[in-house]
Amino acid sequence: MSTIKDISGFATLHDAFLSAVADWPDLSFIAVPARAGRGYLEGGAEISYAAAAAEVDRLIALYRAAGYGPGHRVALLLENRPAHVMHLLAASALGFSIVPVNPDYTRDEMLYQMDHSDADLAVALPHRMAELEAVAALRPEKTLPVIDGEDLPGALPIPPAPAVAEPGRDTELALLYTSGTTGRPKGCILTNHAFLMTAVGYVETVRGGCVALEDTAERFYNPLPLYHMNAGLLIPTVVILTGNCQIIPDRFHARTWWPDMVATRATVMHHLGIMPPALMALPPCPEETQHSVRWSLGGGIEPSLHAPFEERFGLTLIEGWAMTETGRQFAAVAEPRHVEIRAFGRPNQFMEGKIVDDDDVELPRGTPGHFVVRTPVENPGDDPRDGFFSGYLKNEAATEEAWRGGWFHTGDTVMQRDDDMFVFVDRSKNIIRRSGENIAAAEVEACLVGDDRVATVACLAVVDEMRDEEVMTCIVPVEGVAGDAALADALMAHCLEKLAYYKAPGWWLFVDELPTTGTQKVQKQRIFGDGVDPRKLAGVIDLRERKKRQRD
C-alpha cells in the first residue's frame, strides 16, 4: 500500500524531489527501454534518483548563473527523453516555467506558441534547432535564443530580469497548450501546487479501488508524449512522491510492446484507447503472459474489447477521465466497473462532477448532458478551483466562461448512473479526438478558409476504427473552382504545411452548400442525416494515407 509523501511541507515540486533523493538515492527514478536505431540510449538506461539529482543540480547552476527565475519561460523541444524531466525539475527549483513543444508542430504552430507564451529561451535537440531558429527569425521584436539540449553551452543566454519572488506553491511551473473549441490552442497555466495535488489525487484515487499502488516497487511504463499532462507532469510527480520509477519510451510500439514490458520489468502501464485494439490484433507471443504488469490506466477503450483484453493479457484495464485543466482524474477503480460501457469513475475526495443542461441546471440521473467538475466544496470560502489550472494565458474571458457558476465546463457530454458512475457519451462537436490528440475543428477550418479556393468549410469528427475519430471536412469551393480530387490534394498539402499532420482532414467532401442558421453559422448537426456514415457517401475522398508523422 502506498503511503505517499505528505506534500504540505513542500513549496515546490523540486522540494518533493529533494526529499525523494534523500530517502531513495539508489532507486531508479527514470528508465529508458532499449531500442536499436533510435539514435540515443539505444541500449537503454536506468537513472537513479541520485544521478538525476546531479544532472538537475548542473542545470540549476547553469540557469541560475544566467539569471532565470520567476516570470521567465523556457520552451522545451526534447521529445520523449529524460532531459525533459530534468529541465522541469530545474525550473521548479528556480521558479521559471517550461513550455513543452509538440514535436509534430509545423513552423506556423511553433511561431504561434513562442509568440503567445513570450518564451525567453528554447532548448531543442540538435536536429530540431534549425526549425526553432527559423521561428525566432520571424519574431525580431522579441529575441528567442535557441540552444542545443544535448550539448548545453557553458553559459546560457541572459534573459530579462526576473520577477522578485521566491518560487512557491503558486508559482507557474508549466504552460501547456491544449486545443479549444474556438481556434488556436490555449495556454493552460499550471503551478507547483497543481502538480502536487494532481499526483496526490492520482495515488489516492487508484489505491482506493480494485488495484494496488506500492511504494518503491512500481515501474510505470508510459508511452504518451512528454509534452502532454499525463507523461510529462503527472507521472514524474507520482513517482517522486512514492519512490517509484517512470519508464520513458520514445513512443508506442505495438509489435515490441510485450517484450518491452518484460525487459523493463514494468508493473503499471498507461494507455490510450487506440492501443488495446492494436495489441489485440497482434499474434500471440510468449511475453504477453510473462510480464509483471498488474494494471493499466487510460481512456477511450472500445467497451467490446475491455473484458477480452483483460482476459488475454492478464491485467486490469482502468478506464479514466481527466483534462489538462483539471489535473486530477476520475477512474473506474471500484466494482462494479461496468466495463461493458464507457464508464470512467465516480466522484471522489479530490473532484466532483455533475450533469447539467444548457442553462447549467442539474439533470436527473440517466440523462446525458454537459459535464461540469470542481474541487469538492464543503465550507464557505472553499475554492472550487483549488488544484486545477490557474487560467488560460492572456485569456481571462475564456477562463471565466469555462468556470461559470463555480464549475469547470469540460465540453464533454456525460450521464451519471444511479450508482454514481459517470458514463462518457460524446465530446464537444467542435473537438475531434484522434489517437489521443484533441483537435479543434475551428483551427482546421481557419487553416482551410485561408485558401482563396475555399468559400465555406465545416470540419467534424467521424468514426475511425483504429484511432477513435478522424477529421472530416466538408467544403464549398468558390465559384468557378472544381471540387475534385486535385483540389483535395492541393488543400491537403496546404494543411500539412500549416498544421501538425494529425490535424489535417483524412476525409474530404465537396458540396454545393452547407446548412446555416439565419446568422450564417454552419449547422454541423444537419450536414448528414441520423444514422449516416459520411465516409461511405458518394464523392468522399480518402486522404488518410497522406497523414504521416514526418519525424520518427
Protein backbone atom coordinates (compact mmCIF):
# COMPACT_ATOMS: atom_id res chain seq x y z
CA MET A 1 0.00 0.00 0.00
CA SER A 2 1.34 3.44 -0.90
CA THR A 3 1.60 5.97 1.89
CA ILE A 4 2.66 8.86 -0.41
CA LYS A 5 4.74 11.74 0.89
CA ASP A 6 2.98 14.50 2.81
CA ILE A 7 3.05 17.42 0.37
CA SER A 8 2.13 20.03 2.98
CA GLY A 9 5.80 20.69 3.67
CA PHE A 10 6.79 21.17 0.04
CA ALA A 11 6.71 24.61 -1.56
CA THR A 12 7.70 23.25 -4.97
CA LEU A 13 7.95 20.04 -6.96
CA HIS A 14 11.73 20.34 -6.60
CA ASP A 15 11.35 20.25 -2.81
CA ALA A 16 9.49 16.96 -3.15
CA PHE A 17 12.21 15.66 -5.46
CA LEU A 18 14.96 16.52 -2.94
CA SER A 19 13.02 14.60 -0.29
CA ALA A 20 12.82 11.60 -2.63
CA VAL A 21 16.55 11.79 -3.35
CA ALA A 22 17.29 11.81 0.39
CA ASP A 23 15.06 8.79 1.00
CA TRP A 24 15.79 6.68 -2.09
CA PRO A 25 19.09 7.81 -3.69
CA ASP A 26 19.93 4.45 -5.25
CA LEU A 27 16.47 3.55 -6.57
CA SER A 28 15.62 4.04 -10.25
CA PHE A 29 13.85 7.30 -11.00
CA ILE A 30 13.75 7.12 -14.81
CA ALA A 31 14.30 4.16 -17.12
CA VAL A 32 14.60 4.12 -20.90
CA PRO A 33 13.86 0.88 -22.81
CA ALA A 34 16.49 -0.39 -25.21
CA ARG A 35 15.75 0.22 -28.90
CA ALA A 36 18.26 -0.24 -31.70
CA GLY A 37 18.46 2.56 -34.25
CA ARG A 38 16.74 5.14 -32.06
CA GLY A 39 19.72 7.50 -32.02
CA TYR A 40 20.04 7.86 -28.23
CA LEU A 41 20.48 5.43 -25.33
CA GLU A 42 19.98 2.53 -27.76
CA GLY A 43 20.99 0.04 -25.09
CA GLY A 44 18.51 1.51 -22.61
CA ALA A 45 19.24 3.23 -19.31
CA GLU A 46 18.42 3.26 -15.59
CA ILE A 47 18.83 6.66 -13.93
CA SER A 48 18.81 6.65 -10.14
CA TYR A 49 17.38 9.43 -8.01
CA ALA A 50 20.92 10.44 -7.03
CA ALA A 51 22.15 10.51 -10.63
CA ALA A 52 19.12 12.54 -11.67
CA ALA A 53 19.76 14.97 -8.81
CA ALA A 54 23.32 15.54 -10.01
CA GLU A 55 22.07 16.41 -13.51
CA VAL A 56 19.31 18.65 -12.12
CA ASP A 57 21.88 20.45 -9.96
CA ARG A 58 24.04 21.04 -13.05
CA LEU A 59 21.08 22.56 -14.88
CA ILE A 60 20.13 24.69 -11.89
CA ALA A 61 23.63 26.12 -11.77
CA LEU A 62 23.54 27.00 -15.48
CA TYR A 63 20.11 28.62 -15.31
CA ARG A 64 20.87 30.44 -12.05
CA ALA A 65 24.13 31.88 -13.38
CA ALA A 66 22.25 33.38 -16.34
CA GLY A 67 19.52 34.81 -14.11
CA TYR A 68 16.50 32.63 -14.88
CA GLY A 69 13.71 32.82 -12.32
CA PRO A 70 10.02 33.62 -11.77
CA GLY A 71 8.40 35.20 -14.81
CA HIS A 72 10.65 33.51 -17.36
CA ARG A 73 9.53 30.77 -19.71
CA VAL A 74 11.75 28.19 -21.43
CA ALA A 75 10.44 26.23 -24.41
CA LEU A 76 11.48 22.57 -24.48
CA LEU A 77 11.66 20.58 -27.72
CA LEU A 78 13.30 17.49 -26.26
CA GLU A 79 10.82 14.84 -27.42
CA ASN A 80 10.46 11.81 -25.10
CA ARG A 81 13.86 11.97 -23.47
CA PRO A 82 14.86 12.08 -19.78
CA ALA A 83 16.30 15.58 -20.25
CA HIS A 84 12.73 16.92 -20.40
CA VAL A 85 12.12 15.86 -16.78
CA MET A 86 15.49 17.22 -15.63
CA HIS A 87 14.74 20.68 -17.06
CA LEU A 88 11.29 20.56 -15.45
CA LEU A 89 12.84 19.99 -12.02
CA ALA A 90 15.41 22.76 -12.57
CA ALA A 91 12.54 25.09 -13.49
CA SER A 92 10.73 24.22 -10.29
CA ALA A 93 13.83 24.94 -8.21
CA LEU A 94 14.37 28.41 -9.68
CA GLY A 95 10.78 29.44 -10.38
CA PHE A 96 10.72 29.69 -14.18
CA SER A 97 8.19 27.83 -16.33
CA ILE A 98 8.60 25.27 -19.09
CA VAL A 99 6.69 25.43 -22.38
CA PRO A 100 6.73 21.92 -23.90
CA VAL A 101 6.67 21.93 -27.71
CA ASN A 102 4.82 19.25 -29.68
CA PRO A 103 7.47 17.68 -31.97
CA ASP A 104 4.87 17.41 -34.75
CA TYR A 105 4.12 21.12 -34.81
CA THR A 106 4.74 22.95 -38.06
CA ARG A 107 6.71 26.20 -38.18
CA ASP A 108 3.47 28.22 -38.09
CA GLU A 109 2.27 26.39 -35.00
CA MET A 110 5.61 26.84 -33.25
CA LEU A 111 5.61 30.53 -34.11
CA TYR A 112 2.18 30.97 -32.52
CA GLN A 113 3.28 29.09 -29.38
CA MET A 114 6.52 31.05 -28.99
CA ASP A 115 4.74 34.37 -29.58
CA HIS A 116 1.83 33.64 -27.29
CA SER A 117 3.98 32.26 -24.47
CA ASP A 118 6.61 35.04 -24.70
CA ALA A 119 9.26 32.34 -24.38
CA ASP A 120 12.67 33.69 -23.31
CA LEU A 121 14.73 30.66 -24.41
CA ALA A 122 14.28 27.47 -26.44
CA VAL A 123 16.10 24.23 -25.63
CA ALA A 124 15.96 21.79 -28.54
CA LEU A 125 17.52 18.59 -29.78
CA PRO A 126 20.30 19.28 -32.29
CA HIS A 127 18.26 18.12 -35.30
CA ARG A 128 15.37 20.41 -34.32
CA MET A 129 17.34 23.61 -33.63
CA ALA A 130 17.12 24.92 -37.20
CA GLU A 131 13.31 24.90 -37.07
CA LEU A 132 13.20 26.97 -33.90
CA GLU A 133 15.92 29.29 -35.18
CA ALA A 134 13.74 29.90 -38.26
CA VAL A 135 10.82 30.66 -35.95
CA ALA A 136 12.98 33.05 -33.93
CA ALA A 137 13.92 34.91 -37.11
CA LEU A 138 10.23 35.59 -37.73
CA ARG A 139 9.81 37.41 -34.39
CA PRO A 140 12.60 40.02 -34.26
CA GLU A 141 10.65 42.12 -31.76
CA LYS A 142 11.45 39.55 -29.03
CA THR A 143 14.72 37.66 -29.02
CA LEU A 144 14.43 33.88 -28.76
CA PRO A 145 17.83 32.24 -28.27
CA VAL A 146 17.89 28.55 -29.26
CA ILE A 147 20.39 26.24 -27.57
CA ASP A 148 21.42 22.62 -28.02
CA GLY A 149 19.66 20.43 -25.48
CA GLU A 150 22.20 17.62 -25.83
CA ASP A 151 25.33 19.76 -25.54
CA LEU A 152 24.39 22.74 -23.41
CA PRO A 153 26.69 25.75 -23.61
CA GLY A 154 28.85 26.67 -20.64
CA ALA A 155 26.83 29.84 -20.18
CA LEU A 156 23.19 30.37 -21.11
CA PRO A 157 21.82 33.48 -22.85
CA ILE A 158 20.84 36.12 -20.29
CA PRO A 159 17.07 36.77 -20.09
CA PRO A 160 15.23 39.91 -18.97
CA ALA A 161 15.32 40.49 -15.22
CA PRO A 162 13.01 38.03 -13.40
CA ALA A 163 10.26 38.96 -11.02
CA VAL A 164 11.49 39.49 -7.48
CA ALA A 165 9.95 36.48 -5.82
CA GLU A 166 10.83 33.14 -4.31
CA PRO A 167 9.37 30.10 -6.09
CA GLY A 168 6.46 28.61 -4.20
CA ARG A 169 3.26 26.61 -4.48
CA ASP A 170 1.55 29.25 -6.63
CA THR A 171 4.49 29.80 -8.99
CA GLU A 172 3.83 28.86 -12.60
CA LEU A 173 5.78 25.69 -13.46
CA ALA A 174 4.43 24.77 -16.89
CA LEU A 175 2.43 26.33 -19.69
CA LEU A 176 0.70 23.56 -21.63
CA TYR A 177 -1.14 24.24 -24.86
CA THR A 178 -4.41 22.43 -25.35
CA SER A 179 -6.88 22.54 -28.22
CA GLY A 180 -10.03 24.54 -27.55
CA THR A 181 -13.28 24.94 -29.44
CA THR A 182 -12.58 28.38 -30.86
CA GLY A 183 -9.39 28.02 -32.88
CA ARG A 184 -5.80 28.35 -31.72
CA PRO A 185 -4.68 26.27 -28.70
CA LYS A 186 -4.98 27.93 -25.30
CA GLY A 187 -2.09 28.09 -22.85
CA CYS A 188 -3.00 26.39 -19.56
CA ILE A 189 -1.07 27.78 -16.60
CA LEU A 190 -0.07 25.06 -14.14
CA THR A 191 1.62 25.74 -10.80
CA ASN A 192 3.68 23.64 -8.41
CA HIS A 193 0.51 23.26 -6.36
CA ALA A 194 -1.38 21.85 -9.34
CA PHE A 195 1.41 19.31 -9.98
CA LEU A 196 1.48 18.11 -6.39
CA MET A 197 -2.30 17.95 -5.93
CA THR A 198 -2.73 16.12 -9.23
CA ALA A 199 -0.29 13.43 -8.16
CA VAL A 200 -1.86 13.02 -4.71
CA GLY A 201 -5.28 12.70 -6.34
CA TYR A 202 -3.98 10.02 -8.70
CA VAL A 203 -2.41 7.90 -5.96
CA GLU A 204 -5.31 8.16 -3.53
CA THR A 205 -7.93 7.52 -6.23
CA VAL A 206 -6.16 4.46 -7.60
CA ARG A 207 -5.38 2.87 -4.27
CA GLY A 208 -8.98 3.29 -3.15
CA GLY A 209 -10.20 0.66 -5.59
CA CYS A 210 -9.51 -2.76 -7.05
CA VAL A 211 -5.82 -2.22 -7.83
CA ALA A 212 -2.80 -1.52 -5.64
CA LEU A 213 -0.02 1.03 -5.87
CA GLU A 214 3.06 0.26 -3.79
CA ASP A 215 5.87 2.47 -2.54
CA THR A 216 9.32 1.97 -4.15
CA ALA A 217 8.17 -1.09 -6.11
CA GLU A 218 6.29 0.23 -9.15
CA ARG A 219 7.68 0.83 -12.62
CA PHE A 220 5.32 2.95 -14.73
CA TYR A 221 5.59 2.30 -18.47
CA ASN A 222 4.09 5.35 -20.12
CA PRO A 223 4.39 5.73 -23.93
CA LEU A 224 2.47 9.01 -24.07
CA PRO A 225 4.29 12.19 -25.15
CA LEU A 226 6.08 14.27 -22.52
CA TYR A 227 4.53 17.47 -23.87
CA HIS A 228 1.21 16.16 -22.53
CA MET A 229 -0.01 16.42 -18.94
CA ASN A 230 -0.03 12.67 -18.31
CA ALA A 231 3.51 11.52 -19.06
CA GLY A 232 5.22 14.90 -18.74
CA LEU A 233 3.78 16.19 -15.48
CA LEU A 234 1.57 13.69 -13.67
CA ILE A 235 3.72 10.55 -13.68
CA PRO A 236 7.04 12.25 -12.83
CA THR A 237 5.33 13.76 -9.79
CA VAL A 238 3.65 10.47 -8.84
CA VAL A 239 6.93 8.55 -8.86
CA ILE A 240 8.68 11.30 -6.89
CA LEU A 241 6.04 11.15 -4.15
CA THR A 242 6.12 7.33 -3.96
CA GLY A 243 9.76 6.43 -4.70
CA ASN A 244 8.88 4.65 -7.90
CA CYS A 245 10.24 4.68 -11.46
CA GLN A 246 8.97 6.13 -14.74
CA ILE A 247 9.84 4.21 -17.90
CA ILE A 248 10.00 6.59 -20.89
CA PRO A 249 9.94 5.01 -24.36
CA ASP A 250 10.22 7.19 -27.45
CA ARG A 251 6.60 6.35 -28.36
CA PHE A 252 4.10 3.48 -28.63
CA HIS A 253 5.46 0.42 -30.46
CA ALA A 254 2.79 -2.29 -30.75
CA ARG A 255 4.99 -5.07 -32.13
CA THR A 256 7.52 -4.89 -29.30
CA TRP A 257 5.12 -3.85 -26.54
CA TRP A 258 5.08 -7.08 -24.53
CA PRO A 259 8.81 -7.83 -24.94
CA ASP A 260 9.42 -4.26 -23.71
CA MET A 261 7.14 -4.87 -20.71
CA VAL A 262 9.19 -7.94 -19.77
CA ALA A 263 12.58 -6.35 -20.44
CA THR A 264 11.81 -3.18 -18.45
CA ARG A 265 10.13 -5.07 -15.59
CA ALA A 266 7.11 -2.79 -15.85
CA THR A 267 4.38 -3.22 -13.24
CA VAL A 268 1.94 -0.47 -14.34
CA MET A 269 1.05 0.81 -17.82
CA HIS A 270 -0.69 3.85 -19.20
CA HIS A 271 -2.60 3.58 -22.45
CA LEU A 272 -4.81 5.40 -24.92
CA GLY A 273 -7.94 3.95 -26.49
CA ILE A 274 -6.12 3.20 -29.74
CA MET A 275 -3.56 0.93 -28.07
CA PRO A 276 -5.75 -2.01 -26.91
CA PRO A 277 -7.10 -2.78 -30.44
CA ALA A 278 -3.56 -2.59 -31.84
CA LEU A 279 -2.33 -5.03 -29.19
CA MET A 280 -5.33 -7.33 -29.60
CA ALA A 281 -4.60 -7.54 -33.34
CA LEU A 282 -1.10 -8.91 -32.73
CA PRO A 283 -0.41 -12.65 -32.98
CA PRO A 284 0.17 -14.29 -29.58
CA CYS A 285 3.68 -14.11 -28.17
CA PRO A 286 5.17 -15.66 -25.01
CA GLU A 287 5.85 -12.26 -23.41
CA GLU A 288 2.17 -11.29 -23.35
CA THR A 289 1.70 -13.65 -20.39
CA GLN A 290 5.21 -13.40 -18.91
CA HIS A 291 5.05 -9.71 -17.98
CA SER A 292 4.60 -8.30 -14.46
CA VAL A 293 2.05 -5.60 -15.33
CA ARG A 294 -0.90 -5.68 -12.92
CA TRP A 295 -2.99 -2.81 -14.25
CA SER A 296 -3.15 -0.05 -16.85
CA LEU A 297 -4.89 3.32 -16.67
CA GLY A 298 -6.20 5.10 -19.75
CA GLY A 299 -9.28 6.30 -21.53
CA GLY A 300 -11.36 5.59 -24.59
CA ILE A 301 -11.16 1.82 -24.90
CA GLU A 302 -13.88 0.26 -27.03
CA PRO A 303 -16.13 -1.49 -24.45
CA SER A 304 -16.37 -4.68 -26.51
CA LEU A 305 -12.59 -5.08 -26.17
CA HIS A 306 -12.33 -4.32 -22.47
CA ALA A 307 -13.03 -7.73 -20.95
CA PRO A 308 -11.31 -9.70 -23.77
CA PHE A 309 -8.16 -7.60 -23.32
CA GLU A 310 -8.08 -8.25 -19.58
CA GLU A 311 -8.61 -11.97 -20.12
CA ARG A 312 -5.98 -12.36 -22.83
CA PHE A 313 -3.21 -10.32 -21.22
CA GLY A 314 -3.93 -10.97 -17.55
CA LEU A 315 -4.16 -7.42 -16.24
CA THR A 316 -6.81 -4.92 -15.16
CA LEU A 317 -7.68 -2.06 -17.51
CA ILE A 318 -8.86 1.02 -15.62
CA GLU A 319 -10.94 3.48 -17.62
CA GLY A 320 -10.33 7.04 -16.51
CA TRP A 321 -11.05 10.67 -17.39
CA ALA A 322 -9.02 13.85 -16.96
CA MET A 323 -8.13 17.10 -18.70
CA THR A 324 -5.06 19.31 -18.68
CA GLU A 325 -7.15 21.94 -16.89
CA THR A 326 -8.34 19.58 -14.14
CA GLY A 327 -5.18 17.63 -13.48
CA ARG A 328 -6.97 15.30 -11.10
CA GLN A 329 -8.91 12.42 -12.58
CA PHE A 330 -11.85 10.12 -12.27
CA ALA A 331 -11.07 6.41 -12.57
CA ALA A 332 -13.34 3.37 -12.57
CA VAL A 333 -11.40 1.53 -9.85
CA ALA A 334 -14.31 0.43 -7.64
CA GLU A 335 -16.51 -2.51 -8.55
CA PRO A 336 -18.74 -2.73 -10.40
CA ARG A 337 -16.56 -1.06 -13.04
CA HIS A 338 -19.12 -1.52 -15.82
CA VAL A 339 -16.54 -2.46 -18.43
CA GLU A 340 -19.33 -3.10 -20.94
CA ILE A 341 -19.91 0.67 -21.31
CA ARG A 342 -17.74 3.81 -21.34
CA ALA A 343 -17.84 4.15 -17.54
CA PHE A 344 -14.93 6.16 -16.14
CA GLY A 345 -15.42 6.58 -12.41
CA ARG A 346 -17.36 8.11 -9.58
CA PRO A 347 -16.94 11.35 -7.60
CA ASN A 348 -14.03 11.24 -5.17
CA GLN A 349 -12.50 13.38 -2.44
CA PHE A 350 -10.44 15.33 -4.98
CA MET A 351 -13.01 16.03 -7.69
CA GLU A 352 -16.77 16.02 -8.01
CA GLY A 353 -18.92 16.34 -11.09
CA LYS A 354 -22.50 16.75 -12.20
CA ILE A 355 -24.53 16.73 -15.40
CA VAL A 356 -26.29 19.96 -16.42
CA ASP A 357 -28.41 21.30 -19.27
CA ASP A 358 -27.74 24.34 -21.47
CA ASP A 359 -28.78 26.63 -18.58
CA ASP A 360 -26.47 24.87 -16.09
CA VAL A 361 -29.43 23.25 -14.31
CA GLU A 362 -28.60 19.80 -12.94
CA LEU A 363 -30.21 16.92 -14.83
CA PRO A 364 -31.64 13.73 -13.32
CA ARG A 365 -29.61 10.51 -13.28
CA GLY A 366 -29.55 8.66 -16.58
CA THR A 367 -29.95 11.84 -18.65
CA PRO A 368 -26.98 12.87 -20.87
CA GLY A 369 -25.87 16.47 -20.56
CA HIS A 370 -22.93 18.81 -20.13
CA PHE A 371 -20.26 17.50 -17.75
CA VAL A 372 -19.01 20.05 -15.19
CA VAL A 373 -16.45 19.42 -12.44
CA ARG A 374 -14.78 21.13 -9.49
CA THR A 375 -12.80 20.52 -6.32
CA PRO A 376 -15.30 19.46 -3.62
CA VAL A 377 -16.56 22.48 -1.68
CA GLU A 378 -17.68 21.77 1.89
CA ASN A 379 -17.29 25.08 3.70
CA PRO A 380 -17.97 28.72 2.81
CA GLY A 381 -14.84 30.18 1.30
CA ASP A 382 -13.51 26.86 -0.03
CA ASP A 383 -12.06 27.27 -3.52
CA PRO A 384 -13.67 25.07 -6.20
CA ARG A 385 -10.64 25.75 -8.41
CA ASP A 386 -8.08 24.53 -5.88
CA GLY A 387 -5.56 22.28 -7.61
CA PHE A 388 -6.91 22.98 -11.10
CA PHE A 389 -5.10 25.05 -13.71
CA SER A 390 -4.68 28.72 -12.82
CA GLY A 391 -6.23 30.03 -16.02
CA TYR A 392 -5.70 30.46 -19.74
CA LEU A 393 -2.78 32.74 -20.52
CA LYS A 394 -3.88 36.14 -21.87
CA ASN A 395 -7.50 34.97 -21.99
CA GLU A 396 -9.30 35.78 -18.76
CA ALA A 397 -12.64 35.81 -20.59
CA ALA A 398 -12.20 32.17 -21.66
CA THR A 399 -11.13 31.22 -18.15
CA GLU A 400 -14.21 32.77 -16.55
CA GLU A 401 -16.53 31.35 -19.20
CA ALA A 402 -15.17 27.85 -18.53
CA TRP A 403 -15.70 28.40 -14.77
CA ARG A 404 -19.15 29.98 -14.93
CA GLY A 405 -21.27 29.17 -11.92
CA GLY A 406 -18.27 27.88 -9.97
CA TRP A 407 -17.95 24.68 -12.03
CA PHE A 408 -15.46 23.94 -14.79
CA HIS A 409 -17.26 23.15 -18.05
CA THR A 410 -15.43 20.27 -19.72
CA GLY A 411 -17.13 20.25 -23.12
CA ASP A 412 -17.94 16.54 -22.77
CA THR A 413 -21.40 15.01 -22.83
CA VAL A 414 -21.76 12.54 -19.97
CA MET A 415 -24.50 10.84 -18.00
CA GLN A 416 -24.46 9.62 -14.40
CA ARG A 417 -25.94 6.29 -13.33
CA ASP A 418 -27.89 5.68 -10.14
CA ASP A 419 -24.77 4.06 -8.64
CA ASP A 420 -22.90 7.40 -9.14
CA MET A 421 -20.82 6.07 -12.05
CA PHE A 422 -20.12 8.58 -14.82
CA VAL A 423 -20.50 7.30 -18.38
CA PHE A 424 -18.95 9.04 -21.38
CA VAL A 425 -21.44 9.77 -24.18
CA ASP A 426 -19.79 12.25 -26.55
CA ARG A 427 -17.47 15.23 -26.63
CA SER A 428 -17.90 18.76 -27.84
CA LYS A 429 -18.88 18.77 -31.51
CA ASN A 430 -16.03 21.19 -32.12
CA ILE A 431 -13.37 18.88 -30.71
CA ILE A 432 -12.13 15.82 -32.57
CA ARG A 433 -10.24 13.17 -30.61
CA ARG A 434 -7.75 11.32 -32.82
CA SER A 435 -5.20 8.91 -31.34
CA GLY A 436 -5.29 10.74 -28.03
CA GLU A 437 -4.85 14.22 -29.52
CA ASN A 438 -7.57 16.84 -29.16
CA ILE A 439 -8.07 18.67 -32.45
CA ALA A 440 -10.04 21.91 -32.58
CA ALA A 441 -12.29 21.83 -35.63
CA ALA A 442 -12.15 25.63 -35.68
CA GLU A 443 -8.37 25.60 -36.06
CA VAL A 444 -8.53 23.29 -39.09
CA GLU A 445 -11.39 25.35 -40.55
CA ALA A 446 -9.39 28.57 -40.14
CA CYS A 447 -6.49 26.98 -42.00
CA LEU A 448 -8.69 25.89 -44.90
CA VAL A 449 -10.71 29.06 -45.22
CA GLY A 450 -7.44 30.93 -45.54
CA ASP A 451 -7.07 29.39 -49.00
CA ASP A 452 -8.70 31.54 -51.70
CA ARG A 453 -10.27 28.47 -53.34
CA VAL A 454 -12.44 27.76 -50.29
CA ALA A 455 -15.73 29.62 -49.77
CA THR A 456 -17.16 27.79 -46.74
CA VAL A 457 -15.90 24.89 -44.69
CA ALA A 458 -17.02 22.69 -41.81
CA CYS A 459 -14.80 20.15 -40.06
CA LEU A 460 -16.24 17.44 -37.87
CA ALA A 461 -15.44 14.08 -36.33
CA VAL A 462 -16.20 10.77 -37.99
CA VAL A 463 -15.66 7.33 -36.52
CA ASP A 464 -12.30 5.65 -37.03
CA GLU A 465 -11.98 2.02 -36.00
CA MET A 466 -8.30 2.35 -35.05
CA ARG A 467 -7.85 5.98 -33.96
CA ASP A 468 -11.22 6.63 -32.25
CA GLU A 469 -12.08 9.58 -34.51
CA GLU A 470 -10.82 11.13 -37.72
CA VAL A 471 -11.16 14.64 -39.12
CA MET A 472 -13.62 15.06 -41.98
CA THR A 473 -14.03 18.31 -43.88
CA CYS A 474 -16.98 19.45 -45.99
CA ILE A 475 -16.05 22.28 -48.34
CA VAL A 476 -17.97 24.63 -50.60
CA PRO A 477 -15.43 25.79 -53.22
CA VAL A 478 -15.55 29.34 -54.51
CA GLU A 479 -17.49 29.85 -57.70
CA GLY A 480 -15.64 28.55 -60.73
CA VAL A 481 -13.37 26.15 -58.79
CA ALA A 482 -13.98 22.43 -59.28
CA GLY A 483 -14.39 20.40 -56.11
CA ASP A 484 -12.41 17.37 -57.20
CA ALA A 485 -9.51 15.13 -56.23
CA ALA A 486 -6.98 17.66 -57.49
CA LEU A 487 -8.38 20.37 -55.22
CA ALA A 488 -8.47 17.98 -52.26
CA ASP A 489 -4.84 17.08 -52.93
CA ALA A 490 -3.79 20.73 -53.08
CA LEU A 491 -5.69 21.68 -49.93
CA MET A 492 -4.26 18.68 -48.12
CA ALA A 493 -0.77 19.92 -48.95
CA HIS A 494 -1.77 23.35 -47.61
CA CYS A 495 -2.95 21.80 -44.32
CA LEU A 496 0.17 19.68 -43.91
CA GLU A 497 2.30 22.78 -44.36
CA LYS A 498 0.40 24.79 -41.75
CA LEU A 499 -0.76 22.18 -39.23
CA ALA A 500 0.63 19.16 -37.42
CA TYR A 501 -0.01 16.12 -39.60
CA TYR A 502 -2.65 14.60 -37.33
CA LYS A 503 -4.87 17.72 -37.59
CA ALA A 504 -5.22 17.56 -41.38
CA PRO A 505 -8.54 16.13 -42.62
CA GLY A 506 -8.45 12.46 -43.52
CA TRP A 507 -11.81 12.52 -45.31
CA TRP A 508 -12.85 15.20 -47.83
CA LEU A 509 -16.22 16.03 -49.34
CA PHE A 510 -17.04 18.92 -51.67
CA VAL A 511 -20.63 20.17 -51.54
CA ASP A 512 -22.67 22.91 -53.18
CA GLU A 513 -23.79 24.38 -49.86
CA LEU A 514 -23.80 23.83 -46.12
CA PRO A 515 -26.84 24.25 -43.85
CA THR A 516 -26.68 27.51 -41.91
CA THR A 517 -28.65 29.49 -39.36
CA GLY A 518 -30.19 32.87 -40.05
CA THR A 519 -26.89 34.43 -38.97
CA GLN A 520 -25.00 32.23 -41.43
CA LYS A 521 -23.47 29.95 -38.80
CA VAL A 522 -22.94 26.43 -40.17
CA GLN A 523 -25.23 23.86 -38.53
CA LYS A 524 -22.96 20.85 -38.39
CA GLN A 525 -25.61 18.57 -36.94
CA ARG A 526 -27.67 18.99 -40.11
CA ILE A 527 -24.93 18.21 -42.64
CA PHE A 528 -25.60 14.47 -42.50
CA GLY A 529 -28.78 12.68 -41.51
CA ASP A 530 -29.08 10.43 -38.48
CA GLY A 531 -27.52 7.02 -38.96
CA VAL A 532 -25.46 8.11 -41.97
CA ASP A 533 -21.81 7.06 -42.18
CA PRO A 534 -20.30 10.06 -44.01
CA ARG A 535 -17.29 8.01 -45.07
CA LYS A 536 -19.48 5.94 -47.38
CA LEU A 537 -21.15 8.78 -49.23
CA ALA A 538 -20.64 9.23 -52.96
CA GLY A 539 -17.87 11.67 -53.75
CA VAL A 540 -15.97 11.29 -50.49
CA ILE A 541 -12.19 11.37 -50.93
CA ASP A 542 -9.98 9.39 -48.57
CA LEU A 543 -6.58 11.02 -47.97
CA ARG A 544 -5.75 9.32 -44.69
CA GLU A 545 -2.61 7.80 -46.19
CA ARG A 546 -1.18 11.32 -46.56
CA LYS A 547 -1.31 11.77 -42.77
CA LYS A 548 2.08 10.51 -41.73
CA ARG A 549 4.40 11.64 -38.98
CA GLN A 550 7.29 13.41 -40.64
CA ARG A 551 9.80 12.50 -37.92
CA ASP A 552 10.31 9.17 -36.21
